[in-house]
N, C-alpha and C. Protein backbone atom coordinates (compact mmCIF):
# COMPACT_ATOMS: atom_id res chain seq x y z
N MET A 1 167.93 222.16 -149.03
CA MET A 1 167.31 223.38 -149.46
C MET A 1 167.52 224.44 -148.38
N ILE A 2 167.78 225.65 -148.80
CA ILE A 2 168.04 226.75 -147.87
C ILE A 2 166.83 227.67 -147.84
N ASP A 3 166.31 227.93 -146.62
CA ASP A 3 165.15 228.80 -146.44
C ASP A 3 165.53 230.28 -146.39
N GLU A 4 166.69 230.57 -145.78
CA GLU A 4 167.05 231.96 -145.53
C GLU A 4 168.57 232.10 -145.51
N TYR A 5 169.04 233.20 -146.04
CA TYR A 5 170.45 233.55 -145.99
C TYR A 5 170.58 234.75 -145.07
N LYS A 6 171.48 234.67 -144.09
CA LYS A 6 171.77 235.80 -143.21
C LYS A 6 173.25 236.10 -143.32
N MET A 7 173.57 237.37 -143.55
CA MET A 7 174.97 237.74 -143.63
C MET A 7 175.18 239.09 -142.96
N VAL A 8 176.34 239.25 -142.38
CA VAL A 8 176.71 240.51 -141.75
C VAL A 8 177.80 241.14 -142.61
N VAL A 9 177.57 242.38 -142.99
CA VAL A 9 178.53 243.12 -143.80
C VAL A 9 179.30 244.04 -142.87
N ASP A 10 180.62 243.88 -142.90
CA ASP A 10 181.52 244.72 -142.10
C ASP A 10 182.26 245.61 -143.08
N PRO A 11 181.98 246.92 -143.09
CA PRO A 11 182.54 247.80 -144.11
C PRO A 11 184.05 248.05 -143.93
N VAL A 12 184.82 247.13 -144.49
CA VAL A 12 186.28 247.24 -144.45
C VAL A 12 186.78 247.08 -145.89
N ALA A 13 187.62 247.99 -146.34
CA ALA A 13 188.19 247.90 -147.68
C ALA A 13 189.53 247.17 -147.59
N LEU A 14 189.60 245.98 -148.19
CA LEU A 14 190.82 245.18 -148.14
C LEU A 14 191.61 245.23 -149.43
N GLY A 15 190.94 245.42 -150.55
CA GLY A 15 191.64 245.49 -151.82
C GLY A 15 191.81 244.16 -152.51
N LYS A 16 192.15 243.12 -151.76
CA LYS A 16 192.30 241.78 -152.33
C LYS A 16 191.65 240.79 -151.39
N GLY A 17 191.41 239.62 -151.88
CA GLY A 17 190.83 238.59 -151.04
C GLY A 17 189.80 237.78 -151.80
N ARG A 18 189.27 236.79 -151.14
CA ARG A 18 188.28 235.91 -151.76
C ARG A 18 186.88 236.45 -151.54
N SER A 19 186.05 236.27 -152.51
CA SER A 19 184.64 236.58 -152.39
C SER A 19 183.96 235.44 -151.63
N MET A 20 182.96 235.76 -150.84
CA MET A 20 182.25 234.69 -150.13
C MET A 20 181.42 233.85 -151.09
N PHE A 21 181.30 234.31 -152.33
CA PHE A 21 180.54 233.56 -153.32
C PHE A 21 181.45 232.88 -154.35
N ASP A 22 182.74 232.77 -154.07
CA ASP A 22 183.64 232.04 -154.97
C ASP A 22 183.16 230.61 -155.15
N GLY A 23 183.19 230.14 -156.37
CA GLY A 23 182.83 228.76 -156.64
C GLY A 23 181.35 228.53 -156.90
N MET A 24 180.55 229.57 -156.84
CA MET A 24 179.11 229.40 -157.12
C MET A 24 178.94 229.20 -158.62
N PRO A 25 178.15 228.22 -159.02
CA PRO A 25 177.99 227.96 -160.45
C PRO A 25 177.18 229.01 -161.19
N GLY A 26 176.36 229.78 -160.49
CA GLY A 26 175.54 230.80 -161.14
C GLY A 26 175.05 231.80 -160.13
N SER A 27 174.16 232.67 -160.57
CA SER A 27 173.64 233.69 -159.66
C SER A 27 172.42 233.16 -158.91
N LEU A 28 172.15 233.74 -157.77
CA LEU A 28 170.98 233.39 -156.97
C LEU A 28 169.95 234.51 -157.08
N ASN A 29 168.70 234.16 -157.20
CA ASN A 29 167.63 235.14 -157.23
C ASN A 29 167.08 235.24 -155.80
N LEU A 30 167.47 236.31 -155.08
CA LEU A 30 167.12 236.46 -153.68
C LEU A 30 166.28 237.70 -153.46
N LYS A 31 165.45 237.66 -152.40
CA LYS A 31 164.62 238.80 -152.01
C LYS A 31 165.04 239.23 -150.61
N LEU A 32 165.36 240.51 -150.44
CA LEU A 32 165.72 241.04 -149.14
C LEU A 32 164.47 241.08 -148.26
N THR A 33 164.53 240.40 -147.09
CA THR A 33 163.37 240.35 -146.21
C THR A 33 163.50 241.29 -145.02
N LYS A 34 164.71 241.52 -144.54
CA LYS A 34 164.93 242.49 -143.47
C LYS A 34 166.39 242.87 -143.41
N SER A 35 166.64 244.01 -142.78
CA SER A 35 168.01 244.46 -142.58
C SER A 35 168.07 245.19 -141.25
N ARG A 36 169.25 245.22 -140.68
CA ARG A 36 169.46 245.91 -139.41
C ARG A 36 170.85 246.52 -139.42
N THR A 37 170.93 247.79 -139.08
CA THR A 37 172.21 248.48 -139.01
C THR A 37 172.61 248.64 -137.55
N PHE A 38 173.85 248.29 -137.24
CA PHE A 38 174.36 248.39 -135.87
C PHE A 38 175.17 249.67 -135.71
N LYS A 39 175.34 250.11 -134.47
CA LYS A 39 176.07 251.35 -134.17
C LYS A 39 177.52 251.30 -134.64
N ASN A 40 178.11 250.09 -134.72
CA ASN A 40 179.50 249.97 -135.14
C ASN A 40 179.66 249.99 -136.67
N GLY A 41 178.55 250.17 -137.41
CA GLY A 41 178.61 250.26 -138.86
C GLY A 41 178.32 248.97 -139.59
N LYS A 42 178.27 247.85 -138.86
CA LYS A 42 177.95 246.57 -139.51
C LYS A 42 176.47 246.53 -139.84
N VAL A 43 176.13 245.74 -140.88
CA VAL A 43 174.75 245.62 -141.32
C VAL A 43 174.41 244.14 -141.44
N LEU A 44 173.28 243.75 -140.85
CA LEU A 44 172.75 242.40 -140.99
C LEU A 44 171.76 242.41 -142.13
N LEU A 45 171.92 241.51 -143.10
CA LEU A 45 171.02 241.39 -144.24
C LEU A 45 170.41 240.00 -144.23
N CYS A 46 169.09 239.92 -144.37
CA CYS A 46 168.39 238.63 -144.41
C CYS A 46 167.69 238.51 -145.76
N TYR A 47 167.94 237.41 -146.44
CA TYR A 47 167.37 237.16 -147.75
C TYR A 47 166.68 235.80 -147.76
N GLU A 48 165.70 235.67 -148.64
CA GLU A 48 165.08 234.37 -148.90
C GLU A 48 165.05 234.17 -150.41
N PRO A 49 165.01 232.93 -150.86
CA PRO A 49 164.93 232.71 -152.30
C PRO A 49 163.67 233.34 -152.88
N ALA A 50 163.82 234.00 -154.02
CA ALA A 50 162.67 234.68 -154.65
C ALA A 50 161.82 233.70 -155.43
């Protein structure tokens, strides 16, 4: 069981590539618990299951 999902978003447009959610059987119902924006433009997102 997963308590928390943490991901860093790096705003780069690639055009093609794999999604980090490839192969997931369905959608996840998540609640955003906190976020942090860094000076370099990256964003930390923290979610927990809703």
